[in-house]
C-alpha atoms as a PDB file:
ATOM      1  CA  MET A   1      -0.061  -0.036   0.369  1.00  0.00           C
ATOM      2  CA  PRO A   2       1.748   3.271  -1.339  1.00  0.00           C
ATOM      3  CA  GLU A   3       2.779   5.475   1.827  1.00  0.00           C
ATOM      4  CA  PHE A   4       1.234   8.915   2.647  1.00  0.00           C
ATOM      5  CA  GLY A   5       2.177  11.873   4.519  1.00  0.00           C
ATOM      6  CA  PHE A   6       5.605  13.409   5.265  1.00  0.00           C
ATOM      7  CA  PRO A   7       8.676  12.001   5.375  1.00  0.00           C
ATOM      8  CA  ALA A   8       9.967   9.767   7.659  1.00  0.00           C
ATOM      9  CA  GLN A   9      12.927  10.306   9.735  1.00  0.00           C
ATOM     10  CA  PRO A  10      14.669   7.343   8.554  1.00  0.00           C
ATOM     11  CA  ARG A  11      14.430   9.320   5.242  1.00  0.00           C
ATOM     12  CA  ASN A  12      16.272  12.655   6.908  1.00  0.00           C
ATOM     13  CA  ALA A  13      19.111  10.327   8.201  1.00  0.00           C
ATOM     14  CA  THR A  14      19.893   8.939   4.752  1.00  0.00           C
ATOM     15  CA  LEU A  15      19.793  12.626   3.267  1.00  0.00           C
ATOM     16  CA  SER A  16      21.663  13.802   6.257  1.00  0.00           C
ATOM     17  CA  SER A  17      24.557  11.185   6.044  1.00  0.00           C
ATOM     18  CA  LEU A  18      24.825  11.228   1.962  1.00  0.00           C
ATOM     19  CA  ILE A  19      25.935  15.115   2.711  1.00  0.00           C
ATOM     20  CA  ALA A  20      28.384  14.584   5.488  1.00  0.00           C
ATOM     21  CA  ASN A  21      29.986  11.474   2.910  1.00  0.00           C
ATOM     22  CA  LEU A  22      29.768  14.328  -0.202  1.00  0.00           C
ATOM     23  CA  ARG A  23      31.037  17.344   1.880  1.00  0.00           C
ATOM     24  CA  SER A  24      34.124  14.628   3.624  1.00  0.00           C
ATOM     25  CA  ARG A  25      34.843  13.776  -0.374  1.00  0.00           C
ATOM     26  CA  SER A  26      34.306  17.074  -1.809  1.00  0.00           C
ATOM     27  CA  ASP A  27      37.069  18.576   0.789  1.00  0.00           C
ATOM     28  CA  ASP A  28      39.460  15.748   0.035  1.00  0.00           C
ATOM     29  CA  ALA A  29      39.077  16.287  -3.867  1.00  0.00           C
ATOM     30  CA  ARG A  30      39.726  20.241  -2.847  1.00  0.00           C
ATOM     31  CA  VAL A  31      42.563  19.340  -1.376  1.00  0.00           C
ATOM     32  CA  ALA A  32      43.886  17.115  -4.392  1.00  0.00           C
ATOM     33  CA  SER A  33      42.776  19.758  -6.632  1.00  0.00           C
ATOM     34  CA  VAL A  34      44.936  22.401  -4.826  1.00  0.00           C
ATOM     35  CA  SER A  35      47.753  20.781  -3.509  1.00  0.00           C
ATOM     36  CA  GLY A  36      48.487  17.586  -5.955  1.00  0.00           C
ATOM     37  CA  ARG A  37      48.599  15.455  -2.568  1.00  0.00           C
ATOM     38  CA  PHE A  38      45.787  12.849  -1.467  1.00  0.00           C
ATOM     39  CA  ALA A  39      44.123  14.255   1.685  1.00  0.00           C
ATOM     40  CA  ASP A  40      44.170  11.084   3.233  1.00  0.00           C
ATOM     41  CA  VAL A  41      46.821   9.160   1.526  1.00  0.00           C
ATOM     42  CA  THR A  42      46.622   6.302   3.501  1.00  0.00           C
ATOM     43  CA  ALA A  43      43.329   5.158   2.314  1.00  0.00           C
ATOM     44  CA  GLU A  44      44.624   6.181  -1.386  1.00  0.00           C
ATOM     45  CA  ARG A  45      47.606   3.479  -1.057  1.00  0.00           C
ATOM     46  CA  ASN A  46      46.411   1.618   1.563  1.00  0.00           C
ATOM     47  CA  GLY A  47      49.005  -1.263   0.489  1.00  0.00           C
ATOM     48  CA  ARG A  48      51.740   0.721   0.203  1.00  0.00           C
ATOM     49  CA  VAL A  49      51.444   2.396   3.937  1.00  0.00           C
ATOM     50  CA  ASN A  50      55.066   1.628   5.596  1.00  0.00           C
ATOM     51  CA  GLU A  51      56.793   2.588   2.653  1.00  0.00           C
ATOM     52  CA  LEU A  52      54.838   5.985   2.177  1.00  0.00           C
ATOM     53  CA  MET A  53      55.992   6.226   5.853  1.00  0.00           C
ATOM     54  CA  GLN A  54      59.834   5.006   5.583  1.00  0.00           C
ATOM     55  CA  ILE A  55      60.007   7.476   3.062  1.00  0.00           C
ATOM     56  CA  GLU A  56      58.588  10.913   5.210  1.00  0.00           C
ATOM     57  CA  LYS A  57      60.469   9.244   8.111  1.00  0.00           C
ATOM     58  CA  SER A  58      63.871   9.466   6.075  1.00  0.00           C
ATOM     59  CA  LEU A  59      62.748  13.203   4.015  1.00  0.00           C
ATOM     60  CA  ASN A  60      62.584  14.324   7.832  1.00  0.00           C
ATOM     61  CA  ASP A  61      65.943  13.052   8.710  1.00  0.00           C
ATOM     62  CA  PHE A  62      67.767  14.862   5.532  1.00  0.00           C
ATOM     63  CA  ARG A  63      65.820  18.160   6.489  1.00  0.00           C
ATOM     64  CA  THR A  64      67.339  17.599  10.076  1.00  0.00           C
ATOM     65  CA  TYR A  65      70.719  17.095   8.326  1.00  0.00           C
ATOM     66  CA  SER A  66      70.170  20.029   6.054  1.00  0.00           C
ATOM     67  CA  GLU A  67      69.548  22.254   9.650  1.00  0.00           C
ATOM     68  CA  ILE A  68      72.621  20.847  11.265  1.00  0.00           C
ATOM     69  CA  ILE A  69      75.007  21.286   8.016  1.00  0.00           C
ATOM     70  CA  ALA A  70      73.915  24.725   7.506  1.00  0.00           C
ATOM     71  CA  LEU A  71      74.649  25.428  11.216  1.00  0.00           C
ATOM     72  CA  THR A  72      77.928  23.469  10.675  1.00  0.00           C
ATOM     73  CA  GLU A  73      79.237  25.778   7.890  1.00  0.00           C
ATOM     74  CA  VAL A  74      78.724  28.985   9.647  1.00  0.00           C
ATOM     75  CA  ARG A  75      80.747  27.643  12.636  1.00  0.00           C
ATOM     76  CA  THR A  76      83.655  26.420  10.214  1.00  0.00           C
ATOM     77  CA  THR A  77      83.090  29.544   8.463  1.00  0.00           C
ATOM     78  CA  THR A  78      83.611  31.564  12.191  1.00  0.00           C
ATOM     79  CA  ILE A  79      86.282  29.420  12.782  1.00  0.00           C
ATOM     80  CA  GLN A  80      88.482  29.728   9.308  1.00  0.00           C
ATOM     81  CA  ALA A  81      87.866  33.199   9.899  1.00  0.00           C
ATOM     82  CA  SER A  82      89.532  33.639  13.581  1.00  0.00           C
ATOM     83  CA  LEU A  83      92.191  31.335  12.390  1.00  0.00           C
ATOM     84  CA  SER A  84      92.910  34.269   9.905  1.00  0.00           C
ATOM     85  CA  LYS A  85      92.576  36.690  11.857  1.00  0.00           C
ATOM     86  CA  LEU A  86      95.245  34.833  14.323  1.00  0.00           C
ATOM     87  CA  THR A  87      97.325  34.685  10.706  1.00  0.00           C
ATOM     88  CA  GLY A  88      96.883  38.385   9.984  1.00  0.00           C
ATOM     89  CA  GLU A  89      97.875  39.667  13.067  1.00  0.00           C
ATOM     90  CA  ALA A  90     101.030  37.580  13.397  1.00  0.00           C
ATOM     91  CA  GLN A  91     102.649  38.039  10.377  1.00  0.00           C
ATOM     92  CA  SER A  92     101.909  42.282  10.230  1.00  0.00           C
ATOM     93  CA  LEU A  93     103.211  42.310  13.967  1.00  0.00           C
ATOM     94  CA  ALA A  94     106.152  39.986  12.737  1.00  0.00           C
ATOM     95  CA  ASP A  95     106.583  42.742   9.658  1.00  0.00           C
ATOM     96  CA  THR A  96     106.503  45.829  11.785  1.00  0.00           C
ATOM     97  CA  VAL A  97     109.146  44.097  13.989  1.00  0.00           C
ATOM     98  CA  ASP A  98     111.337  43.298  11.573  1.00  0.00           C
ATOM     99  CA  VAL A  99     111.427  46.784   9.204  1.00  0.00           C
ATOM    100  CA  LEU A 100     111.974  48.427  12.977  1.00  0.00           C
ATOM    101  CA  ARG A 101     115.075  46.581  13.938  1.00  0.00           C
ATOM    102  CA  THR A 102     116.172  47.544  10.465  1.00  0.00           C
ATOM    103  CA  ASN A 103     115.321  51.067  10.426  1.00  0.00           C
ATOM    104  CA  GLY A 104     114.183  52.111  13.852  1.00  0.00           C
ATOM    105  CA  THR A 105     114.534  53.328  17.338  1.00  0.00           C
ATOM    106  CA  ALA A 106     113.545  52.672  20.507  1.00  0.00           C
ATOM    107  CA  LYS A 107     110.639  54.783  19.891  1.00  0.00           C
ATOM    108  CA  ASN A 108     109.514  53.192  16.714  1.00  0.00           C
ATOM    109  CA  PHE A 109     109.404  49.998  18.896  1.00  0.00           C
ATOM    110  CA  SER A 110     107.413  51.333  21.711  1.00  0.00           C
ATOM    111  CA  VAL A 111     105.107  51.928  19.031  1.00  0.00           C
ATOM    112  CA  VAL A 112     104.739  48.332  17.686  1.00  0.00           C
ATOM    113  CA  SER A 113     104.154  47.184  21.598  1.00  0.00           C
ATOM    114  CA  ALA A 114     101.494  48.896  21.510  1.00  0.00           C
ATOM    115  CA  ASP A 115     100.126  47.434  18.747  1.00  0.00           C
ATOM    116  CA  ALA A 116     100.765  44.235  19.731  1.00  0.00           C
ATOM    117  CA  VAL A 117      98.337  45.137  22.659  1.00  0.00           C
ATOM    118  CA  GLY A 118      95.678  46.007  20.846  1.00  0.00           C
ATOM    119  CA  ALA A 119      96.506  42.620  18.816  1.00  0.00           C
ATOM    120  CA  LEU A 120      96.343  40.252  21.675  1.00  0.00           C
ATOM    121  CA  ASP A 121      93.012  41.857  22.493  1.00  0.00           C
ATOM    122  CA  SER A 122      91.479  41.296  18.880  1.00  0.00           C
ATOM    123  CA  VAL A 123      92.607  37.568  18.390  1.00  0.00           C
ATOM    124  CA  ILE A 124      91.306  37.063  22.236  1.00  0.00           C
ATOM    125  CA  ALA A 125      88.215  38.163  20.620  1.00  0.00           C
ATOM    126  CA  ALA A 126      88.491  36.228  17.605  1.00  0.00           C
ATOM    127  CA  LEU A 127      88.634  33.189  19.755  1.00  0.00           C
ATOM    128  CA  ASN A 128      85.962  33.674  21.837  1.00  0.00           C
ATOM    129  CA  ALA A 129      83.504  33.773  19.147  1.00  0.00           C
ATOM    130  CA  ASP A 130      80.197  32.459  19.519  1.00  0.00           C
ATOM    131  CA  VAL A 131      77.707  30.936  17.101  1.00  0.00           C
ATOM    132  CA  ALA A 132      74.268  30.672  18.013  1.00  0.00           C
ATOM    133  CA  GLY A 133      75.537  30.537  21.904  1.00  0.00           C
ATOM    134  CA  ARG A 134      77.932  27.970  21.575  1.00  0.00           C
ATOM    135  CA  ARG A 135      81.945  29.007  22.143  1.00  0.00           C
ATOM    136  CA  LEU A 136      83.701  27.549  19.319  1.00  0.00           C
ATOM    137  CA  PHE A 137      87.323  27.342  20.477  1.00  0.00           C
ATOM    138  CA  GLY A 138      86.520  26.026  24.316  1.00  0.00           C
ATOM    139  CA  GLY A 139      85.701  22.142  23.345  1.00  0.00           C
ATOM    140  CA  ASP A 140      83.915  20.430  25.592  1.00  0.00           C
ATOM    141  CA  GLU A 141      82.571  23.895  27.607  1.00  0.00           C
ATOM    142  CA  THR A 142      80.697  25.212  24.998  1.00  0.00           C
ATOM    143  CA  GLY A 143      78.884  27.982  27.060  1.00  0.00           C
ATOM    144  CA  THR A 144      82.111  29.651  28.746  1.00  0.00           C
ATOM    145  CA  ALA A 145      84.872  32.431  26.982  1.00  0.00           C
ATOM    146  CA  PRO A 146      87.395  29.782  26.278  1.00  0.00           C
ATOM    147  CA  LEU A 147      90.515  32.743  27.401  1.00  0.00           C
ATOM    148  CA  VAL A 148      90.493  35.532  29.699  1.00  0.00           C
ATOM    149  CA  ASP A 149      90.865  39.156  28.776  1.00  0.00           C
ATOM    150  CA  GLY A 150      94.061  40.509  27.167  1.00  0.00           C
ATOM    151  CA  GLU A 151      95.286  42.632  30.411  1.00  0.00           C
ATOM    152  CA  THR A 152      94.849  39.890  33.108  1.00  0.00           C
ATOM    153  CA  ILE A 153      97.429  37.756  30.616  1.00  0.00           C
ATOM    154  CA  ARG A 154      99.814  40.546  30.011  1.00  0.00           C
ATOM    155  CA  THR A 155      99.783  41.581  33.749  1.00  0.00           C
ATOM    156  CA  ALA A 156     100.171  38.059  34.965  1.00  0.00           C
ATOM    157  CA  SER A 157     102.822  37.672  32.186  1.00  0.00           C
ATOM    158  CA  VAL A 158     104.895  40.555  32.525  1.00  0.00           C
ATOM    159  CA  PRO A 159     107.107  39.346  35.746  1.00  0.00           C
ATOM    160  CA  THR A 160     108.480  36.496  34.047  1.00  0.00           C
ATOM    161  CA  LEU A 161     109.842  38.388  31.294  1.00  0.00           C
ATOM    162  CA  GLU A 162     111.098  41.064  34.301  1.00  0.00           C
ATOM    163  CA  ALA A 163     112.876  38.773  36.212  1.00  0.00           C
ATOM    164  CA  GLY A 164     115.121  36.809  33.491  1.00  0.00           C
ATOM    165  CA  ALA A 165     118.555  36.984  33.319  1.00  0.00           C
ATOM    166  CA  SER A 166     119.006  37.496  29.939  1.00  0.00           C
ATOM    167  CA  ALA A 167     116.085  37.760  26.730  1.00  0.00           C
ATOM    168  CA  ALA A 168     116.575  34.523  26.131  1.00  0.00           C
ATOM    169  CA  SER A 169     115.824  33.564  29.936  1.00  0.00           C
ATOM    170  CA  SER A 170     113.131  35.692  29.751  1.00  0.00           C
ATOM    171  CA  TYR A 171     111.134  34.344  26.661  1.00  0.00           C
ATOM    172  CA  THR A 172     111.869  30.816  27.660  1.00  0.00           C
ATOM    173  CA  ASP A 173     110.968  31.220  31.487  1.00  0.00           C
ATOM    174  CA  LEU A 174     107.695  32.595  29.938  1.00  0.00           C
ATOM    175  CA  ARG A 175     106.996  29.877  27.604  1.00  0.00           C
ATOM    176  CA  ILE A 176     107.197  27.202  30.071  1.00  0.00           C
ATOM    177  CA  GLU A 177     104.717  28.861  31.460  1.00  0.00           C
ATOM    178  CA  PHE A 178     102.488  28.907  28.147  1.00  0.00           C
ATOM    179  CA  PHE A 179     103.002  25.639  27.582  1.00  0.00           C
ATOM    180  CA  ALA A 180     104.179  23.391  30.475  1.00  0.00           C
ATOM    181  CA  ALA A 181     101.034  21.371  32.279  1.00  0.00           C
ATOM    182  CA  GLY A 182     100.137  23.564  35.315  1.00  0.00           C
ATOM    183  CA  GLY A 183     101.685  26.472  34.202  1.00  0.00           C
ATOM    184  CA  LEU A 184      99.363  30.194  34.143  1.00  0.00           C
ATOM    185  CA  PHE A 185      98.144  29.009  30.643  1.00  0.00           C
ATOM    186  CA  ASP A 186      96.461  25.997  31.897  1.00  0.00           C
ATOM    187  CA  THR A 187      95.416  27.535  35.476  1.00  0.00           C
ATOM    188  CA  THR A 188      94.444  31.091  34.344  1.00  0.00           C
ATOM    189  CA  PHE A 189      94.537  31.954  31.138  1.00  0.00           C
ATOM    190  CA  TYR A 190      92.271  29.177  29.615  1.00  0.00           C
ATOM    191  CA  GLN A 191      89.556  28.870  30.920  1.00  0.00           C
ATOM    192  CA  GLY A 192      87.348  26.120  28.521  1.00  0.00           C
ATOM    193  CA  GLY A 193      87.129  22.736  28.309  1.00  0.00           C
ATOM    194  CA  ALA A 194      89.467  19.566  28.847  1.00  0.00           C
ATOM    195  CA  GLY A 195      87.870  17.721  25.788  1.00  0.00           C
ATOM    196  CA  ASP A 196      87.479  18.308  22.436  1.00  0.00           C
ATOM    197  CA  ALA A 197      84.214  19.496  21.092  1.00  0.00           C
ATOM    198  CA  PRO A 198      81.632  17.086  20.019  1.00  0.00           C
ATOM    199  CA  VAL A 199      81.554  15.801  17.023  1.00  0.00           C
ATOM    200  CA  THR A 200      79.426  16.384  14.411  1.00  0.00           C
ATOM    201  CA  GLU A 201      76.531  14.186  12.460  1.00  0.00           C
ATOM    202  CA  VAL A 202      76.161  15.430   8.787  1.00  0.00           C
ATOM    203  CA  ALA A 203      74.734  12.443   7.390  1.00  0.00           C
ATOM    204  CA  PRO A 204      73.584   8.661   7.802  1.00  0.00           C
ATOM    205  CA  GLY A 205      76.598   7.504   9.903  1.00  0.00           C
ATOM    206  CA  GLU A 206      78.830  10.494   8.601  1.00  0.00           C
ATOM    207  CA  ARG A 207      80.290  12.146  11.947  1.00  0.00           C
ATOM    208  CA  VAL A 208      82.953  15.038  11.211  1.00  0.00           C
ATOM    209  CA  GLU A 209      85.490  16.824  13.527  1.00  0.00           C
ATOM    210  CA  TYR A 210      86.095  20.481  12.758  1.00  0.00           C
ATOM    211  CA  GLY A 211      86.873  22.047  16.611  1.00  0.00           C
ATOM    212  CA  VAL A 212      89.707  24.121  17.050  1.00  0.00           C
ATOM    213  CA  LYS A 213      90.859  24.875  20.558  1.00  0.00           C
ATOM    214  CA  ALA A 214      91.840  28.018  22.333  1.00  0.00           C
ATOM    215  CA  ASP A 215      94.518  26.001  23.965  1.00  0.00           C
ATOM    216  CA  ASP A 216      95.671  24.487  20.719  1.00  0.00           C
ATOM    217  CA  ALA A 217      99.714  24.668  20.493  1.00  0.00           C
ATOM    218  CA  ALA A 218      99.298  26.873  17.801  1.00  0.00           C
ATOM    219  CA  VAL A 219      97.524  29.113  18.704  1.00  0.00           C
ATOM    220  CA  ARG A 220      99.080  29.053  22.218  1.00  0.00           C
ATOM    221  CA  GLU A 221     102.288  30.203  20.083  1.00  0.00           C
ATOM    222  CA  VAL A 222     100.594  33.041  18.637  1.00  0.00           C
ATOM    223  CA  LEU A 223      98.965  34.223  22.065  1.00  0.00           C
ATOM    224  CA  PHE A 224     102.449  34.046  23.585  1.00  0.00           C
ATOM    225  CA  ASN A 225     104.859  35.643  21.578  1.00  0.00           C
ATOM    226  CA  ILE A 226     102.061  38.756  21.137  1.00  0.00           C
ATOM    227  CA  THR A 227     102.227  38.830  24.710  1.00  0.00           C
ATOM    228  CA  VAL A 228     105.923  38.725  24.475  1.00  0.00           C
ATOM    229  CA  LEU A 229     106.175  41.684  22.072  1.00  0.00           C
ATOM    230  CA  SER A 230     103.444  43.529  23.829  1.00  0.00           C
ATOM    231  CA  ALA A 231     105.816  43.925  26.712  1.00  0.00           C
ATOM    232  CA  SER A 232     109.270  44.097  25.174  1.00  0.00           C
ATOM    233  CA  HIS A 233     108.784  48.266  24.825  1.00  0.00           C
ATOM    234  CA  ASP A 234     106.444  49.092  27.208  1.00  0.00           C
ATOM    235  CA  LEU A 235     108.504  51.172  29.316  1.00  0.00           C
ATOM    236  CA  GLY A 236     106.196  50.950  31.958  1.00  0.00           C
ATOM    237  CA  ASN A 237     107.498  48.011  33.278  1.00  0.00           C
ATOM    238  CA  ALA A 238     110.768  46.779  34.673  1.00  0.00           C
ATOM    239  CA  ILE A 239     112.200  44.497  31.944  1.00  0.00           C
ATOM    240  CA  PRO A 240     116.060  45.536  31.465  1.00  0.00           C
ATOM    241  CA  SER A 241     116.919  47.658  28.481  1.00  0.00           C
ATOM    242  CA  GLU A 242     118.991  45.478  26.905  1.00  0.00           C
ATOM    243  CA  ALA A 243     117.392  42.808  26.734  1.00  0.00           C
ATOM    244  CA  ARG A 244     114.127  44.857  25.003  1.00  0.00           C
ATOM    245  CA  GLU A 245     115.139  44.129  21.305  1.00  0.00           C
ATOM    246  CA  GLU A 246     116.224  40.971  21.556  1.00  0.00           C
ATOM    247  CA  LEU A 247     112.487  39.566  23.018  1.00  0.00           C
ATOM    248  CA  ALA A 248     111.228  41.635  20.402  1.00  0.00           C
ATOM    249  CA  ALA A 249     113.561  39.948  17.735  1.00  0.00           C
ATOM    250  CA  LEU A 250     112.555  36.013  19.154  1.00  0.00           C
ATOM    251  CA  ALA A 251     108.734  36.911  19.642  1.00  0.00           C
ATOM    252  CA  SER A 252     109.053  38.356  15.791  1.00  0.00           C
ATOM    253  CA  ALA A 253     110.788  34.488  15.124  1.00  0.00           C
ATOM    254  CA  GLY A 254     107.908  33.250  16.940  1.00  0.00           C
ATOM    255  CA  LEU A 255     104.714  34.665  15.358  1.00  0.00           C
ATOM    256  CA  ARG A 256     106.220  33.286  11.937  1.00  0.00           C
ATOM    257  CA  SER A 257     106.642  30.118  12.728  1.00  0.00           C
ATOM    258  CA  ALA A 258     103.403  30.591  14.498  1.00  0.00           C
ATOM    259  CA  VAL A 259     101.995  31.482  10.886  1.00  0.00           C
ATOM    260  CA  SER A 260     103.370  28.242   9.123  1.00  0.00           C
ATOM    261  CA  GLU A 261     101.064  26.091  12.523  1.00  0.00           C
ATOM    262  CA  LEU A 262      98.082  28.014  12.262  1.00  0.00           C
ATOM    263  CA  ALA A 263      97.860  27.393   8.033  1.00  0.00           C
ATOM    264  CA  ASN A 264      98.121  22.872   9.005  1.00  0.00           C
ATOM    265  CA  VAL A 265      94.921  23.785  11.512  1.00  0.00           C
ATOM    266  CA  GLN A 266      93.172  25.917   9.091  1.00  0.00           C
ATOM    267  CA  GLY A 267      94.030  22.996   6.111  1.00  0.00           C
ATOM    268  CA  ARG A 268      92.723  20.819   8.779  1.00  0.00           C
ATOM    269  CA  VAL A 269      89.612  22.605   9.306  1.00  0.00           C
ATOM    270  CA  GLY A 270      89.203  22.598   5.352  1.00  0.00           C
ATOM    271  CA  THR A 271      89.196  19.087   4.904  1.00  0.00           C
ATOM    272  CA  ALA A 272      86.650  18.777   7.167  1.00  0.00           C
ATOM    273  CA  GLU A 273      84.469  21.705   5.048  1.00  0.00           C
ATOM    274  CA  ALA A 274      84.915  19.744   2.353  1.00  0.00           C
ATOM    275  CA  ARG A 275      83.956  16.496   3.855  1.00  0.00           C
ATOM    276  CA  VAL A 276      80.634  18.268   5.282  1.00  0.00           C
ATOM    277  CA  ALA A 277      80.222  19.714   1.286  1.00  0.00           C
ATOM    278  CA  THR A 278      80.465  15.990  -0.092  1.00  0.00           C
ATOM    279  CA  ALA A 279      77.905  15.197   2.267  1.00  0.00           C
ATOM    280  CA  LYS A 280      75.406  18.110   1.886  1.00  0.00           C
ATOM    281  CA  ALA A 281      75.340  17.653  -1.954  1.00  0.00           C
ATOM    282  CA  ARG A 282      74.690  13.946  -1.228  1.00  0.00           C
ATOM    283  CA  ASN A 283      71.977  14.522   1.093  1.00  0.00           C
ATOM    284  CA  ILE A 284      70.422  17.249  -1.601  1.00  0.00           C
ATOM    285  CA  ALA A 285      70.777  14.242  -4.296  1.00  0.00           C
ATOM    286  CA  SER A 286      69.383  11.623  -1.512  1.00  0.00           C
ATOM    287  CA  GLU A 287      66.432  14.314  -0.740  1.00  0.00           C
ATOM    288  CA  ALA A 288      65.680  15.002  -4.230  1.00  0.00           C
ATOM    289  CA  SER A 289      65.019  11.320  -5.108  1.00  0.00           C
ATOM    290  CA  LEU A 290      62.569  10.489  -2.131  1.00  0.00           C
ATOM    291  CA  THR A 291      60.668  13.831  -2.874  1.00  0.00           C
ATOM    292  CA  ILE A 292      59.854  12.200  -5.978  1.00  0.00           C
ATOM    293  CA  SER A 293      59.496   8.903  -5.070  1.00  0.00           C
ATOM    294  CA  PHE A 294      56.895  10.619  -2.236  1.00  0.00           C
ATOM    295  CA  ASN A 295      55.147  12.572  -4.472  1.00  0.00           C
ATOM    296  CA  GLU A 296      54.525   9.342  -6.940  1.00  0.00           C
ATOM    297  CA  LEU A 297      53.130   7.609  -4.130  1.00  0.00           C
ATOM    298  CA  ALA A 298      51.607  10.202  -2.451  1.00  0.00           C
ATOM    299  CA  GLY A 299      50.474  12.518  -5.479  1.00  0.00           C
ATOM    300  CA  ALA A 300      47.182  12.982  -6.879  1.00  0.00           C
ATOM    301  CA  ASP A 301      46.300  14.008 -10.270  1.00  0.00           C
ATOM    302  CA  GLN A 302      44.871  17.708 -10.340  1.00  0.00           C
ATOM    303  CA  PHE A 303      42.964  18.103 -12.997  1.00  0.00           C
ATOM    304  CA  GLU A 304      41.135  15.054 -12.356  1.00  0.00           C
ATOM    305  CA  ALA A 305      40.844  16.027  -8.976  1.00  0.00           C
ATOM    306  CA  ALA A 306      39.106  19.280  -9.890  1.00  0.00           C
ATOM    307  CA  LEU A 307      36.711  17.143 -12.209  1.00  0.00           C
ATOM    308  CA  THR A 308      35.686  15.099  -8.827  1.00  0.00           C
ATOM    309  CA  LEU A 309      35.837  18.242  -7.363  1.00  0.00           C
ATOM    310  CA  THR A 310      33.085  19.756  -9.517  1.00  0.00           C
ATOM    311  CA  GLU A 311      30.819  16.778  -9.867  1.00  0.00           C
ATOM    312  CA  LEU A 312      30.803  16.338  -6.126  1.00  0.00           C
ATOM    313  CA  ASP A 313      29.643  19.965  -5.520  1.00  0.00           C
ATOM    314  CA  ASN A 314      26.979  19.375  -8.119  1.00  0.00           C
ATOM    315  CA  GLN A 315      26.012  16.809  -6.361  1.00  0.00           C
ATOM    316  CA  LEU A 316      25.748  18.386  -2.716  1.00  0.00           C
ATOM    317  CA  GLU A 317      23.914  20.952  -4.473  1.00  0.00           C
ATOM    318  CA  THR A 318      21.342  18.477  -5.441  1.00  0.00           C
ATOM    319  CA  ALA A 319      21.319  16.591  -1.848  1.00  0.00           C
ATOM    320  CA  PHE A 320      20.734  20.731  -0.497  1.00  0.00           C
ATOM    321  CA  LEU A 321      17.592  21.170  -1.906  1.00  0.00           C
ATOM    322  CA  THR A 322      16.241  17.689  -2.279  1.00  0.00           C
ATOM    323  CA  THR A 323      16.474  18.131   1.734  1.00  0.00           C
ATOM    324  CA  SER A 324      14.926  21.927   1.518  1.00  0.00           C
ATOM    325  CA  ARG A 325      12.406  20.861  -0.219  1.00  0.00           C
ATOM    326  CA  LEU A 326      11.618  18.058   2.124  1.00  0.00           C
ATOM    327  CA  THR A 327      12.051  19.647   5.235  1.00  0.00           C
ATOM    328  CA  ASN A 328       9.161  22.515   3.934  1.00  0.00           C
ATOM    329  CA  LEU A 329       6.719  20.139   2.653  1.00  0.00           C
ATOM    330  CA  SER A 330       3.353  21.126   4.657  1.00  0.00           C
ATOM    331  CA  LEU A 331       0.477  19.253   4.260  1.00  0.00           C
ATOM    332  CA  ALA A 332      -1.043  22.169   2.450  1.00  0.00           C
ATOM    333  CA  ASN A 333       1.468  21.792  -0.716  1.00  0.00           C
ATOM    334  CA  PHE A 334       1.607  17.868  -0.393  1.00  0.00           C
ATOM    335  CA  LEU A 335      -2.506  17.998  -1.165  1.00  0.00           C
END
């Protein structure tokens, strides 16, 4: 027997369910048409979910490595710049001393000692450099400036230079304070860590060590000889006058030796930079390959998705219209 009267409640529930389904499918199609990616990759590629998850994990790992490499590049560049600063100051002071010993006067030497004071402060600032809050020359102590200020170094060093029986003995005695275990350098001047800086993983299984410490022998050599030169013709101290020019000559020779040693240190850092660059290029290639694979699995045909979206929108419009008519049905317009 035909059914008359208002639509039953189950019919409204069916239409509501249909509309919800159409809305969900329309939203998914809209995402796919705009982004070129399935909104629900799991539903579309159910048989290859594990493969997709693995690829996505690898892509996230490579993005993390990219961030690490970018920070490592900044750090190694800063380290090289600091070492270049030491090399430049050492070379400049040594050249000046050699010129003054040939053509200069005592007054000229007092000027170069003043220059050495400024150079010591400058190289200490370079060695106390930090990147993103990490001190680069402090070894495994990354939060503390590795060196005290230049004035502290000069003040602690001058008494040893004043007390020597000759320029050579004064130079040797202060050298012991800078290089021997338990000397002034270890106990007072260097504030960094005893261990090396942590190595950095820049790719799966690829770890790079690029740190240089402020207590490295080449670095000590620069600091020691600049300190000697800063005191050699400072008339405010009690170094014997006959020892001053010889101290300057010894410091000049020491600085030239330090320049050669610093070149080796920079070469070591340069080798690390090359390894980082190689890992970076390899990571970029691997990430690009994985991205292609991911897009092939997760990618949607945008043109097809746009057609589906249009079709679903039309169906939604029809469903809404039908629901509206059923909702507004009254006994008068039914009769």
